[in-house]
Amino acid sequence: MTTQAVRRPEQPALPRTTEAAVLHGANDVRIEQKPLKALGPNDVLVEMRSGGICGSDMHYFADGRNGTNVLRQPTVLGHEGAGVVIATGGTAAVAAGTAVVIEPALSCGTCPTCVSGRYNVCPAGTCFGSPPTDGLFARHVVVPAAALHELPPSVPAEIGAAIEPLAVAVWAVDRAQVQPGHRVLITGAGPIGLLVAQVAAVRGAAEIIVTDVNDDRLAVAAQFGATRTINTAATALGLTGMDRLIECSGNSRALIDGIQTLAPAARATVVGQARPTVDGIPLGVLQRYEIDLVTAFRYAHAFPTAIELASSGKVDLRSIITSTYPLADAATALTAPVTDPTNLKVLISY
């Protein structure tokens, strides 16, 4: 009697290259085929579903730089991304088919800063989409399994990229130490400011005042968390006794004026991309009334909370998503918030 060998189904071949939006210089992004690195034992291959346009991406596209970081070689942009795992390395503890959001900042994990839990400020840290580290605006990406967070069915991967800015907002509110009953001033009604308003409301803030110079954005703020809005291009702040300032605009004047509204022993938190130096910060006021001035950079351990807030409906992610573009139109997506000021969060779909 002869036996026949059992024929096992062939595993589909994994892609070796992928289509990506590569920045070559200011206003020069090209859709190219990029090689994918081989899967290491702790890596996963993610097929992307959504990517979010951030202000830093817009700065890189417009100027070839973001703050002090300068583009020196072609780099794939994007650090807000979600997708579905299609393959794993040998020891990666995540199953193919899992919908995930990617935490883009990678730390060394061993320095005293990382060991303390503050891995977001690791001196050796890198971040997807921050040149020269290639980012997530690609159809496929290879990332460490440790960078993934599973998405529940209530948060589809098609909008999952918006979890990353929500994590920024969660961390900002944590750094601000917002407590129930606080009066909170949020300067800047962009995507981060709008999400900060929603998170502050979840934390029990009694009054949430949002400022901006764009009435369309202020109208959205009024729908999601803000108890009052002020267009500072037309109206003076005229506020006193605020417990918390969360500055999300990156505008130095907003920070300086916002500090002047704070009560004794209050706290000001800088979230928006700050200038390297800011003249005019009222240090005497800060010292006289022991007002804490703190900063927030990305996030630490904030993704699980962000996912819970979105999946439970306590924060409405869809409220900030205003446009979606295919990867082929990445250049248009990168300018959409400028060409159409009503845009908030712009997504790339794959």
C-alpha atoms as a PDB file:
ATOM      1  CA  MET A   1       0.000   0.000   0.000  1.00  0.00           C
ATOM      2  CA  THR A   2       1.354   3.368  -0.926  1.00  0.00           C
ATOM      3  CA  THR A   3       0.751   6.548   0.960  1.00  0.00           C
ATOM      4  CA  GLN A   4       0.425   9.937  -0.574  1.00  0.00           C
ATOM      5  CA  ALA A   5       2.040  12.971   0.977  1.00  0.00           C
ATOM      6  CA  VAL A   6      -0.452  15.438   2.384  1.00  0.00           C
ATOM      7  CA  ARG A   7      -0.349  18.595   0.316  1.00  0.00           C
ATOM      8  CA  ARG A   8      -0.491  21.643   2.584  1.00  0.00           C
ATOM      9  CA  PRO A   9      -2.071  24.808   1.257  1.00  0.00           C
ATOM     10  CA  GLU A  10       0.489  27.272   0.058  1.00  0.00           C
ATOM     11  CA  GLN A  11       0.844  30.415   2.116  1.00  0.00           C
ATOM     12  CA  PRO A  12       0.303  33.565   0.080  1.00  0.00           C
ATOM     13  CA  ALA A  13       3.523  35.312  -0.808  1.00  0.00           C
ATOM     14  CA  LEU A  14       4.167  38.426   1.212  1.00  0.00           C
ATOM     15  CA  PRO A  15       4.810  41.676  -0.635  1.00  0.00           C
ATOM     16  CA  ARG A  16       8.428  42.668  -0.989  1.00  0.00           C
ATOM     17  CA  THR A  17       7.709  46.255  -1.976  1.00  0.00           C
ATOM     18  CA  THR A  18       4.899  48.661  -1.253  1.00  0.00           C
ATOM     19  CA  GLU A  19       3.474  51.884  -2.611  1.00  0.00           C
ATOM     20  CA  ALA A  20       4.340  54.866  -0.430  1.00  0.00           C
ATOM     21  CA  ALA A  21       4.205  58.673  -0.331  1.00  0.00           C
ATOM     22  CA  VAL A  22       7.860  59.740  -0.277  1.00  0.00           C
ATOM     23  CA  LEU A  23       8.880  63.318   0.487  1.00  0.00           C
ATOM     24  CA  HIS A  24      11.896  64.428  -1.566  1.00  0.00           C
ATOM     25  CA  GLY A  25      11.820  68.104  -0.664  1.00  0.00           C
ATOM     26  CA  ALA A  26       9.492  70.997  -0.020  1.00  0.00           C
ATOM     27  CA  ASN A  27       6.280  70.539  -2.059  1.00  0.00           C
ATOM     28  CA  ASP A  28       7.724  67.403  -3.632  1.00  0.00           C
ATOM     29  CA  VAL A  29       6.001  64.214  -2.528  1.00  0.00           C
ATOM     30  CA  ARG A  30       6.068  61.255  -4.911  1.00  0.00           C
ATOM     31  CA  ILE A  31       4.174  57.978  -4.951  1.00  0.00           C
ATOM     32  CA  GLU A  32       6.868  55.329  -5.298  1.00  0.00           C
ATOM     33  CA  GLN A  33       7.502  51.655  -4.746  1.00  0.00           C
ATOM     34  CA  LYS A  34       9.600  51.149  -1.633  1.00  0.00           C
ATOM     35  CA  PRO A  35      11.216  47.880  -0.523  1.00  0.00           C
ATOM     36  CA  LEU A  36       9.839  46.330   2.654  1.00  0.00           C
ATOM     37  CA  LYS A  37      12.327  45.136   5.229  1.00  0.00           C
ATOM     38  CA  ALA A  38      12.241  41.476   6.167  1.00  0.00           C
ATOM     39  CA  LEU A  39      10.096  40.510   9.145  1.00  0.00           C
ATOM     40  CA  GLY A  40      12.158  40.113  12.289  1.00  0.00           C
ATOM     41  CA  PRO A  41      11.014  37.768  15.060  1.00  0.00           C
ATOM     42  CA  ASN A  42       9.250  40.599  16.917  1.00  0.00           C
ATOM     43  CA  ASP A  43       7.864  42.368  13.846  1.00  0.00           C
ATOM     44  CA  VAL A  44       4.494  42.388  12.129  1.00  0.00           C
ATOM     45  CA  LEU A  45       3.417  43.306   8.616  1.00  0.00           C
ATOM     46  CA  VAL A  46       0.429  45.648   8.627  1.00  0.00           C
ATOM     47  CA  GLU A  47      -1.766  46.364   5.635  1.00  0.00           C
ATOM     48  CA  MET A  48      -2.764  49.968   6.180  1.00  0.00           C
ATOM     49  CA  ARG A  49      -6.367  51.181   6.189  1.00  0.00           C
ATOM     50  CA  SER A  50      -6.076  54.815   7.284  1.00  0.00           C
ATOM     51  CA  GLY A  51      -3.425  57.468   7.836  1.00  0.00           C
ATOM     52  CA  GLY A  52      -3.891  60.895   9.387  1.00  0.00           C
ATOM     53  CA  ILE A  53      -2.424  64.210   8.254  1.00  0.00           C
ATOM     54  CA  CYS A  54      -0.780  66.032  11.169  1.00  0.00           C
ATOM     55  CA  GLY A  55       0.566  69.563  11.329  1.00  0.00           C
ATOM     56  CA  SER A  56       4.103  68.155  11.360  1.00  0.00           C
ATOM     57  CA  ASP A  57       3.459  66.378   8.035  1.00  0.00           C
ATOM     58  CA  MET A  58       2.225  69.670   6.609  1.00  0.00           C
ATOM     59  CA  HIS A  59       5.347  71.483   7.813  1.00  0.00           C
ATOM     60  CA  TYR A  60       7.643  68.872   6.268  1.00  0.00           C
ATOM     61  CA  PHE A  61       5.748  69.097   2.986  1.00  0.00           C
ATOM     62  CA  ALA A  62       5.645  72.902   2.876  1.00  0.00           C
ATOM     63  CA  ASP A  63       9.136  73.677   4.203  1.00  0.00           C
ATOM     64  CA  GLY A  64      11.184  70.468   4.167  1.00  0.00           C
ATOM     65  CA  ARG A  65      11.494  70.755   7.920  1.00  0.00           C
ATOM     66  CA  ASN A  66       9.522  70.728  11.150  1.00  0.00           C
ATOM     67  CA  GLY A  67      11.039  72.847  13.869  1.00  0.00           C
ATOM     68  CA  THR A  68      14.697  71.900  14.148  1.00  0.00           C
ATOM     69  CA  ASN A  69      14.319  68.586  12.289  1.00  0.00           C
ATOM     70  CA  VAL A  70      15.297  68.973   8.625  1.00  0.00           C
ATOM     71  CA  LEU A  71      14.605  66.582   5.736  1.00  0.00           C
ATOM     72  CA  ARG A  72      17.999  65.409   4.470  1.00  0.00           C
ATOM     73  CA  GLN A  73      16.990  62.357   2.445  1.00  0.00           C
ATOM     74  CA  PRO A  74      13.779  61.076   0.834  1.00  0.00           C
ATOM     75  CA  THR A  75      11.474  59.927   3.628  1.00  0.00           C
ATOM     76  CA  VAL A  76       8.005  58.396   3.828  1.00  0.00           C
ATOM     77  CA  LEU A  77       5.758  60.733   5.809  1.00  0.00           C
ATOM     78  CA  GLY A  78       3.041  59.877   8.329  1.00  0.00           C
ATOM     79  CA  HIS A  79       2.874  58.884  11.981  1.00  0.00           C
ATOM     80  CA  GLU A  80      -0.883  58.441  12.445  1.00  0.00           C
ATOM     81  CA  GLY A  81      -1.924  55.060  11.132  1.00  0.00           C
ATOM     82  CA  ALA A  82      -4.159  52.016  11.526  1.00  0.00           C
ATOM     83  CA  GLY A  83      -4.564  48.804   9.595  1.00  0.00           C
ATOM     84  CA  VAL A  84      -4.851  45.036   9.723  1.00  0.00           C
ATOM     85  CA  VAL A  85      -2.049  42.580  10.540  1.00  0.00           C
ATOM     86  CA  ILE A  86      -1.398  40.226   7.632  1.00  0.00           C
ATOM     87  CA  ALA A  87       1.781  38.483   8.802  1.00  0.00           C
ATOM     88  CA  THR A  88       3.895  38.170  11.937  1.00  0.00           C
ATOM     89  CA  GLY A  89       7.457  37.347  12.830  1.00  0.00           C
ATOM     90  CA  GLY A  90       8.395  34.260  14.799  1.00  0.00           C
ATOM     91  CA  THR A  91       7.577  35.487  18.304  1.00  0.00           C
ATOM     92  CA  ALA A  92       5.200  38.397  17.666  1.00  0.00           C
ATOM     93  CA  ALA A  93       2.169  37.804  19.904  1.00  0.00           C
ATOM     94  CA  VAL A  94      -0.489  39.169  17.566  1.00  0.00           C
ATOM     95  CA  ALA A  95      -2.628  37.194  15.134  1.00  0.00           C
ATOM     96  CA  ALA A  96      -3.017  37.869  11.439  1.00  0.00           C
ATOM     97  CA  GLY A  97      -6.354  39.548  10.774  1.00  0.00           C
ATOM     98  CA  THR A  98      -6.192  41.734  13.897  1.00  0.00           C
ATOM     99  CA  ALA A  99      -7.208  45.361  13.392  1.00  0.00           C
ATOM    100  CA  VAL A 100      -4.619  47.620  15.026  1.00  0.00           C
ATOM    101  CA  VAL A 101      -3.553  51.196  15.541  1.00  0.00           C
ATOM    102  CA  ILE A 102       0.171  51.941  15.519  1.00  0.00           C
ATOM    103  CA  GLU A 103       1.868  53.892  18.292  1.00  0.00           C
ATOM    104  CA  PRO A 104       4.529  55.610  16.176  1.00  0.00           C
ATOM    105  CA  ALA A 105       7.153  56.735  18.697  1.00  0.00           C
ATOM    106  CA  LEU A 106       9.768  54.069  19.364  1.00  0.00           C
ATOM    107  CA  SER A 107      11.937  54.315  22.470  1.00  0.00           C
ATOM    108  CA  CYS A 108      15.064  52.406  23.501  1.00  0.00           C
ATOM    109  CA  GLY A 109      13.245  50.828  26.452  1.00  0.00           C
ATOM    110  CA  THR A 110      16.350  50.563  28.620  1.00  0.00           C
ATOM    111  CA  CYS A 111      17.493  54.068  29.577  1.00  0.00           C
ATOM    112  CA  PRO A 112      16.503  55.547  32.958  1.00  0.00           C
ATOM    113  CA  THR A 113      13.852  57.697  31.270  1.00  0.00           C
ATOM    114  CA  CYS A 114      12.181  54.682  29.665  1.00  0.00           C
ATOM    115  CA  VAL A 115      12.455  52.592  32.810  1.00  0.00           C
ATOM    116  CA  SER A 116      10.707  55.382  34.729  1.00  0.00           C
ATOM    117  CA  GLY A 117       7.734  55.069  32.358  1.00  0.00           C
ATOM    118  CA  ARG A 118       8.323  58.340  30.504  1.00  0.00           C
ATOM    119  CA  TYR A 119       9.315  56.636  27.270  1.00  0.00           C
ATOM    120  CA  ASN A 120       7.844  59.493  25.238  1.00  0.00           C
ATOM    121  CA  VAL A 121      10.877  61.635  26.083  1.00  0.00           C
ATOM    122  CA  CYS A 122      13.517  58.936  25.554  1.00  0.00           C
ATOM    123  CA  PRO A 123      16.686  60.746  24.375  1.00  0.00           C
ATOM    124  CA  ALA A 124      17.311  58.000  21.807  1.00  0.00           C
ATOM    125  CA  GLY A 125      13.703  57.773  20.637  1.00  0.00           C
ATOM    126  CA  THR A 126      12.594  57.843  17.016  1.00  0.00           C
ATOM    127  CA  CYS A 127       9.181  58.312  15.430  1.00  0.00           C
ATOM    128  CA  PHE A 128       7.668  57.000  12.220  1.00  0.00           C
ATOM    129  CA  GLY A 129       7.448  59.793   9.649  1.00  0.00           C
ATOM    130  CA  SER A 130      10.009  61.998  11.395  1.00  0.00           C
ATOM    131  CA  PRO A 131      12.956  62.155   8.957  1.00  0.00           C
ATOM    132  CA  PRO A 132      15.051  60.142   8.471  1.00  0.00           C
ATOM    133  CA  THR A 133      12.690  57.462   9.882  1.00  0.00           C
ATOM    134  CA  ASP A 134      10.212  56.331   7.241  1.00  0.00           C
ATOM    135  CA  GLY A 135       6.571  56.680   8.216  1.00  0.00           C
ATOM    136  CA  LEU A 136       3.165  55.141   7.703  1.00  0.00           C
ATOM    137  CA  PHE A 137       1.883  56.670   4.460  1.00  0.00           C
ATOM    138  CA  ALA A 138       2.352  53.346   2.673  1.00  0.00           C
ATOM    139  CA  ARG A 139       0.114  50.437   1.755  1.00  0.00           C
ATOM    140  CA  HIS A 140       2.156  48.087   3.926  1.00  0.00           C
ATOM    141  CA  VAL A 141       4.498  48.732   6.845  1.00  0.00           C
ATOM    142  CA  VAL A 142       6.702  46.511   8.977  1.00  0.00           C
ATOM    143  CA  VAL A 143       6.571  47.586  12.619  1.00  0.00           C
ATOM    144  CA  PRO A 144       7.497  46.096  16.002  1.00  0.00           C
ATOM    145  CA  ALA A 145       4.619  44.190  17.553  1.00  0.00           C
ATOM    146  CA  ALA A 146       5.139  46.259  20.715  1.00  0.00           C
ATOM    147  CA  ALA A 147       3.987  49.347  18.774  1.00  0.00           C
ATOM    148  CA  LEU A 148       0.525  47.899  18.121  1.00  0.00           C
ATOM    149  CA  HIS A 149      -2.735  48.336  19.997  1.00  0.00           C
ATOM    150  CA  GLU A 150      -5.716  46.202  19.050  1.00  0.00           C
ATOM    151  CA  LEU A 151      -8.795  48.044  17.858  1.00  0.00           C
ATOM    152  CA  PRO A 152     -12.248  46.855  18.950  1.00  0.00           C
ATOM    153  CA  PRO A 153     -14.939  46.417  16.276  1.00  0.00           C
ATOM    154  CA  SER A 154     -16.534  49.707  17.354  1.00  0.00           C
ATOM    155  CA  VAL A 155     -13.441  51.568  16.093  1.00  0.00           C
ATOM    156  CA  PRO A 156     -12.911  50.462  12.481  1.00  0.00           C
ATOM    157  CA  ALA A 157      -9.375  50.642  11.131  1.00  0.00           C
ATOM    158  CA  GLU A 158     -10.674  52.921   8.376  1.00  0.00           C
ATOM    159  CA  ILE A 159     -10.823  55.732  10.964  1.00  0.00           C
ATOM    160  CA  GLY A 160      -8.414  54.205  13.478  1.00  0.00           C
ATOM    161  CA  ALA A 161      -5.619  56.627  12.581  1.00  0.00           C
ATOM    162  CA  ALA A 162      -7.524  59.265  14.588  1.00  0.00           C
ATOM    163  CA  ILE A 163      -6.702  57.342  17.771  1.00  0.00           C
ATOM    164  CA  GLU A 164      -3.185  58.826  17.674  1.00  0.00           C
ATOM    165  CA  PRO A 165      -4.275  62.479  18.034  1.00  0.00           C
ATOM    166  CA  LEU A 166      -6.772  61.357  20.675  1.00  0.00           C
ATOM    167  CA  ALA A 167      -3.826  59.867  22.595  1.00  0.00           C
ATOM    168  CA  VAL A 168      -2.144  63.286  22.349  1.00  0.00           C
ATOM    169  CA  ALA A 169      -5.272  64.830  23.884  1.00  0.00           C
ATOM    170  CA  VAL A 170      -5.449  62.238  26.658  1.00  0.00           C
ATOM    171  CA  TRP A 171      -1.826  62.899  27.579  1.00  0.00           C
ATOM    172  CA  ALA A 172      -2.352  66.670  27.433  1.00  0.00           C
ATOM    173  CA  VAL A 173      -5.280  66.475  29.849  1.00  0.00           C
ATOM    174  CA  ASP A 174      -3.258  64.160  32.101  1.00  0.00           C
ATOM    175  CA  ARG A 175      -0.343  66.599  32.125  1.00  0.00           C
ATOM    176  CA  ALA A 176      -2.760  69.448  32.830  1.00  0.00           C
ATOM    177  CA  GLN A 177      -4.168  67.472  35.782  1.00  0.00           C
ATOM    178  CA  VAL A 178      -7.742  68.420  34.954  1.00  0.00           C
ATOM    179  CA  GLN A 179     -10.039  67.587  37.850  1.00  0.00           C
ATOM    180  CA  PRO A 180     -13.843  67.566  38.267  1.00  0.00           C
ATOM    181  CA  GLY A 181     -15.162  71.090  38.679  1.00  0.00           C
ATOM    182  CA  HIS A 182     -12.212  72.811  37.007  1.00  0.00           C
ATOM    183  CA  ARG A 183     -12.600  75.797  34.713  1.00  0.00           C
ATOM    184  CA  VAL A 184     -10.491  74.983  31.643  1.00  0.00           C
ATOM    185  CA  LEU A 185      -9.320  77.319  28.874  1.00  0.00           C
ATOM    186  CA  ILE A 186      -8.266  75.589  25.633  1.00  0.00           C
ATOM    187  CA  THR A 187      -6.557  77.815  23.074  1.00  0.00           C
ATOM    188  CA  GLY A 188      -6.767  76.466  19.534  1.00  0.00           C
ATOM    189  CA  ALA A 189      -9.738  74.583  18.038  1.00  0.00           C
ATOM    190  CA  GLY A 190      -7.821  72.365  15.661  1.00  0.00           C
ATOM    191  CA  PRO A 191      -8.142  68.575  15.891  1.00  0.00           C
ATOM    192  CA  ILE A 192      -6.065  68.384  19.083  1.00  0.00           C
ATOM    193  CA  GLY A 193      -7.894  71.243  20.804  1.00  0.00           C
ATOM    194  CA  LEU A 194     -11.273  69.742  19.907  1.00  0.00           C
ATOM    195  CA  LEU A 195     -10.242  66.349  21.255  1.00  0.00           C
ATOM    196  CA  VAL A 196      -8.781  67.947  24.395  1.00  0.00           C
ATOM    197  CA  ALA A 197     -12.163  69.615  24.963  1.00  0.00           C
ATOM    198  CA  GLN A 198     -13.933  66.259  24.733  1.00  0.00           C
ATOM    199  CA  VAL A 199     -11.476  64.550  27.077  1.00  0.00           C
ATOM    200  CA  ALA A 200     -11.670  67.431  29.576  1.00  0.00           C
ATOM    201  CA  ALA A 201     -15.449  67.069  29.571  1.00  0.00           C
ATOM    202  CA  VAL A 202     -15.098  63.341  30.293  1.00  0.00           C
ATOM    203  CA  ARG A 203     -12.797  64.221  33.222  1.00  0.00           C
ATOM    204  CA  GLY A 204     -15.549  66.364  34.740  1.00  0.00           C
ATOM    205  CA  ALA A 205     -14.456  69.902  33.931  1.00  0.00           C
ATOM    206  CA  ALA A 206     -17.265  72.257  34.902  1.00  0.00           C
ATOM    207  CA  GLU A 207     -16.466  74.940  32.335  1.00  0.00           C
ATOM    208  CA  ILE A 208     -14.587  74.477  29.058  1.00  0.00           C
ATOM    209  CA  ILE A 209     -13.812  77.625  27.076  1.00  0.00           C
ATOM    210  CA  VAL A 210     -12.292  77.132  23.616  1.00  0.00           C
ATOM    211  CA  THR A 211     -10.685  79.959  21.635  1.00  0.00           C
ATOM    212  CA  ASP A 212      -9.672  80.237  17.985  1.00  0.00           C
ATOM    213  CA  VAL A 213      -9.864  82.691  15.083  1.00  0.00           C
ATOM    214  CA  ASN A 214     -11.894  80.297  12.894  1.00  0.00           C
ATOM    215  CA  ASP A 215     -15.643  80.376  13.486  1.00  0.00           C
ATOM    216  CA  ASP A 216     -16.186  77.040  11.718  1.00  0.00           C
ATOM    217  CA  ARG A 217     -13.872  75.296  14.158  1.00  0.00           C
ATOM    218  CA  LEU A 218     -15.448  77.073  17.107  1.00  0.00           C
ATOM    219  CA  ALA A 219     -18.845  75.840  15.958  1.00  0.00           C
ATOM    220  CA  VAL A 220     -17.551  72.261  16.121  1.00  0.00           C
ATOM    221  CA  ALA A 221     -16.110  72.946  19.576  1.00  0.00           C
ATOM    222  CA  ALA A 222     -19.518  74.097  20.751  1.00  0.00           C
ATOM    223  CA  GLN A 223     -20.970  70.748  19.674  1.00  0.00           C
ATOM    224  CA  PHE A 224     -18.292  68.657  21.377  1.00  0.00           C
ATOM    225  CA  GLY A 225     -17.352  69.656  24.903  1.00  0.00           C
ATOM    226  CA  ALA A 226     -17.047  73.445  24.911  1.00  0.00           C
ATOM    227  CA  THR A 227     -19.416  75.315  27.201  1.00  0.00           C
ATOM    228  CA  ARG A 228     -18.331  78.611  25.618  1.00  0.00           C
ATOM    229  CA  THR A 229     -16.270  79.684  22.595  1.00  0.00           C
ATOM    230  CA  ILE A 230     -14.407  82.925  21.885  1.00  0.00           C
ATOM    231  CA  ASN A 231     -13.119  84.172  18.531  1.00  0.00           C
ATOM    232  CA  THR A 232     -10.033  86.023  19.726  1.00  0.00           C
ATOM    233  CA  ALA A 233      -9.718  87.870  16.402  1.00  0.00           C
ATOM    234  CA  ALA A 234     -12.896  89.739  17.306  1.00  0.00           C
ATOM    235  CA  THR A 235     -13.252  89.518  21.083  1.00  0.00           C
ATOM    236  CA  ALA A 236     -10.840  89.957  23.971  1.00  0.00           C
ATOM    237  CA  LEU A 237     -10.526  87.018  26.357  1.00  0.00           C
ATOM    238  CA  GLY A 238     -11.722  88.935  29.389  1.00  0.00           C
ATOM    239  CA  LEU A 239     -11.332  85.865  31.600  1.00  0.00           C
ATOM    240  CA  THR A 240     -10.133  85.481  35.173  1.00  0.00           C
ATOM    241  CA  GLY A 241      -9.951  82.662  37.674  1.00  0.00           C
ATOM    242  CA  MET A 242      -9.341  79.834  35.218  1.00  0.00           C
ATOM    243  CA  ASP A 243      -7.938  76.667  36.806  1.00  0.00           C
ATOM    244  CA  ARG A 244      -6.262  75.227  33.734  1.00  0.00           C
ATOM    245  CA  LEU A 245      -4.870  76.517  30.442  1.00  0.00           C
ATOM    246  CA  ILE A 246      -4.183  73.938  27.720  1.00  0.00           C
ATOM    247  CA  GLU A 247      -2.472  75.704  24.826  1.00  0.00           C
ATOM    248  CA  CYS A 248      -3.044  73.759  21.578  1.00  0.00           C
ATOM    249  CA  SER A 249      -2.483  76.375  18.864  1.00  0.00           C
ATOM    250  CA  GLY A 250       1.293  76.826  18.928  1.00  0.00           C
ATOM    251  CA  ASN A 251       0.691  80.585  19.008  1.00  0.00           C
ATOM    252  CA  SER A 252       2.930  82.385  21.493  1.00  0.00           C
ATOM    253  CA  ARG A 253       0.393  85.163  22.043  1.00  0.00           C
ATOM    254  CA  ALA A 254      -2.264  82.615  22.979  1.00  0.00           C
ATOM    255  CA  LEU A 255       0.046  81.182  25.635  1.00  0.00           C
ATOM    256  CA  ILE A 256       0.978  84.575  27.088  1.00  0.00           C
ATOM    257  CA  ASP A 257      -2.588  85.859  27.148  1.00  0.00           C
ATOM    258  CA  GLY A 258      -3.902  82.563  28.483  1.00  0.00           C
ATOM    259  CA  ILE A 259      -1.526  82.614  31.453  1.00  0.00           C
ATOM    260  CA  GLN A 260      -2.952  85.982  32.439  1.00  0.00           C
ATOM    261  CA  THR A 261      -6.406  84.391  32.901  1.00  0.00           C
ATOM    262  CA  LEU A 262      -5.255  81.824  35.464  1.00  0.00           C
ATOM    263  CA  ALA A 263      -6.113  81.721  39.137  1.00  0.00           C
ATOM    264  CA  PRO A 264      -3.420  81.344  41.838  1.00  0.00           C
ATOM    265  CA  ALA A 265      -1.969  77.825  42.010  1.00  0.00           C
ATOM    266  CA  ALA A 266      -3.349  77.047  38.538  1.00  0.00           C
ATOM    267  CA  ARG A 267      -1.534  75.171  35.761  1.00  0.00           C
ATOM    268  CA  ALA A 268      -0.678  76.040  32.145  1.00  0.00           C
ATOM    269  CA  THR A 269       0.172  73.183  29.770  1.00  0.00           C
ATOM    270  CA  VAL A 270       1.855  73.741  26.395  1.00  0.00           C
ATOM    271  CA  VAL A 271       0.689  71.200  23.808  1.00  0.00           C
ATOM    272  CA  GLY A 272       0.861  73.016  20.459  1.00  0.00           C
ATOM    273  CA  GLN A 273       4.180  73.043  18.571  1.00  0.00           C
ATOM    274  CA  ALA A 274       6.054  75.756  20.453  1.00  0.00           C
ATOM    275  CA  ARG A 275       8.627  78.121  19.010  1.00  0.00           C
ATOM    276  CA  PRO A 276      12.205  77.391  20.166  1.00  0.00           C
ATOM    277  CA  THR A 277      12.075  80.482  22.397  1.00  0.00           C
ATOM    278  CA  VAL A 278       9.156  82.642  23.467  1.00  0.00           C
ATOM    279  CA  ASP A 279       9.683  86.183  24.687  1.00  0.00           C
ATOM    280  CA  GLY A 280       7.081  87.750  26.928  1.00  0.00           C
ATOM    281  CA  ILE A 281       6.102  84.800  29.121  1.00  0.00           C
ATOM    282  CA  PRO A 282       5.074  86.492  32.405  1.00  0.00           C
ATOM    283  CA  LEU A 283       7.506  84.686  34.704  1.00  0.00           C
ATOM    284  CA  GLY A 284       6.782  87.134  37.516  1.00  0.00           C
ATOM    285  CA  VAL A 285       3.073  86.226  37.428  1.00  0.00           C
ATOM    286  CA  LEU A 286       3.901  82.515  37.351  1.00  0.00           C
ATOM    287  CA  GLN A 287       6.173  82.840  40.353  1.00  0.00           C
ATOM    288  CA  ARG A 288       4.006  85.239  42.387  1.00  0.00           C
ATOM    289  CA  TYR A 289       0.967  82.965  42.163  1.00  0.00           C
ATOM    290  CA  GLU A 290       2.793  79.620  41.926  1.00  0.00           C
ATOM    291  CA  ILE A 291       1.232  78.841  38.566  1.00  0.00           C
ATOM    292  CA  ASP A 292       2.786  75.694  37.138  1.00  0.00           C
ATOM    293  CA  LEU A 293       3.993  75.889  33.525  1.00  0.00           C
ATOM    294  CA  VAL A 294       4.385  72.396  32.068  1.00  0.00           C
ATOM    295  CA  THR A 295       4.685  70.885  28.606  1.00  0.00           C
ATOM    296  CA  ALA A 296       3.278  67.826  26.882  1.00  0.00           C
ATOM    297  CA  PHE A 297       5.155  65.851  24.224  1.00  0.00           C
ATOM    298  CA  ARG A 298       3.303  63.099  22.384  1.00  0.00           C
ATOM    299  CA  TYR A 299       2.051  60.629  25.040  1.00  0.00           C
ATOM    300  CA  ALA A 300       3.004  57.835  27.390  1.00  0.00           C
ATOM    301  CA  HIS A 301       0.659  54.909  28.087  1.00  0.00           C
ATOM    302  CA  ALA A 302      -2.224  56.921  26.585  1.00  0.00           C
ATOM    303  CA  PHE A 303      -3.342  54.671  23.714  1.00  0.00           C
ATOM    304  CA  PRO A 304      -5.400  52.226  25.820  1.00  0.00           C
ATOM    305  CA  THR A 305      -7.343  55.126  27.336  1.00  0.00           C
ATOM    306  CA  ALA A 306      -7.819  56.736  23.931  1.00  0.00           C
ATOM    307  CA  ILE A 307      -9.153  53.476  22.481  1.00  0.00           C
ATOM    308  CA  GLU A 308     -11.546  53.046  25.413  1.00  0.00           C
ATOM    309  CA  LEU A 309     -12.862  56.605  25.070  1.00  0.00           C
ATOM    310  CA  ALA A 310     -13.466  56.137  21.349  1.00  0.00           C
ATOM    311  CA  SER A 311     -14.944  52.635  21.591  1.00  0.00           C
ATOM    312  CA  SER A 312     -17.340  53.656  24.377  1.00  0.00           C
ATOM    313  CA  GLY A 313     -18.526  56.727  22.477  1.00  0.00           C
ATOM    314  CA  LYS A 314     -17.368  59.103  25.200  1.00  0.00           C
ATOM    315  CA  VAL A 315     -15.246  60.828  22.553  1.00  0.00           C
ATOM    316  CA  ASP A 316     -16.526  61.220  18.996  1.00  0.00           C
ATOM    317  CA  LEU A 317     -13.658  60.626  16.572  1.00  0.00           C
ATOM    318  CA  ARG A 318     -15.804  61.065  13.498  1.00  0.00           C
ATOM    319  CA  SER A 319     -16.591  64.627  14.562  1.00  0.00           C
ATOM    320  CA  ILE A 320     -13.077  65.746  13.621  1.00  0.00           C
ATOM    321  CA  ILE A 321     -12.690  63.754  10.368  1.00  0.00           C
ATOM    322  CA  THR A 322     -13.645  66.095   7.533  1.00  0.00           C
ATOM    323  CA  SER A 323     -11.909  64.736   4.412  1.00  0.00           C
ATOM    324  CA  THR A 324     -10.470  61.488   3.093  1.00  0.00           C
ATOM    325  CA  TYR A 325      -8.107  61.131   0.135  1.00  0.00           C
ATOM    326  CA  PRO A 326      -6.558  58.115  -1.595  1.00  0.00           C
ATOM    327  CA  LEU A 327      -2.824  57.570  -1.201  1.00  0.00           C
ATOM    328  CA  ALA A 328      -2.298  58.705  -4.789  1.00  0.00           C
ATOM    329  CA  ASP A 329      -3.555  62.153  -3.768  1.00  0.00           C
ATOM    330  CA  ALA A 330      -1.245  62.505  -0.759  1.00  0.00           C
ATOM    331  CA  ALA A 331       0.036  65.890  -1.968  1.00  0.00           C
ATOM    332  CA  THR A 332      -3.516  67.250  -2.054  1.00  0.00           C
ATOM    333  CA  ALA A 333      -4.254  65.788   1.371  1.00  0.00           C
ATOM    334  CA  LEU A 334      -1.170  67.473   2.825  1.00  0.00           C
ATOM    335  CA  THR A 335      -2.446  70.910   1.785  1.00  0.00           C
ATOM    336  CA  ALA A 336      -6.176  70.329   2.357  1.00  0.00           C
ATOM    337  CA  PRO A 337      -6.338  72.031   5.794  1.00  0.00           C
ATOM    338  CA  VAL A 338      -4.746  75.142   4.248  1.00  0.00           C
ATOM    339  CA  THR A 339      -6.726  75.266   0.998  1.00  0.00           C
ATOM    340  CA  ASP A 340      -9.986  74.629   2.867  1.00  0.00           C
ATOM    341  CA  PRO A 341      -9.965  76.115   6.391  1.00  0.00           C
ATOM    342  CA  THR A 342     -13.095  74.127   7.303  1.00  0.00           C
ATOM    343  CA  ASN A 343     -10.997  70.962   7.257  1.00  0.00           C
ATOM    344  CA  LEU A 344     -10.071  69.443  10.594  1.00  0.00           C
ATOM    345  CA  LYS A 345      -8.627  65.940  10.500  1.00  0.00           C
ATOM    346  CA  VAL A 346      -7.756  64.785   6.992  1.00  0.00           C
ATOM    347  CA  LEU A 347      -7.270  61.064   6.423  1.00  0.00           C
ATOM    348  CA  ILE A 348      -5.561  59.036   3.733  1.00  0.00           C
ATOM    349  CA  SER A 349      -7.300  55.805   2.764  1.00  0.00           C
ATOM    350  CA  TYR A 350      -5.640  52.733   1.251  1.00  0.00           C
END
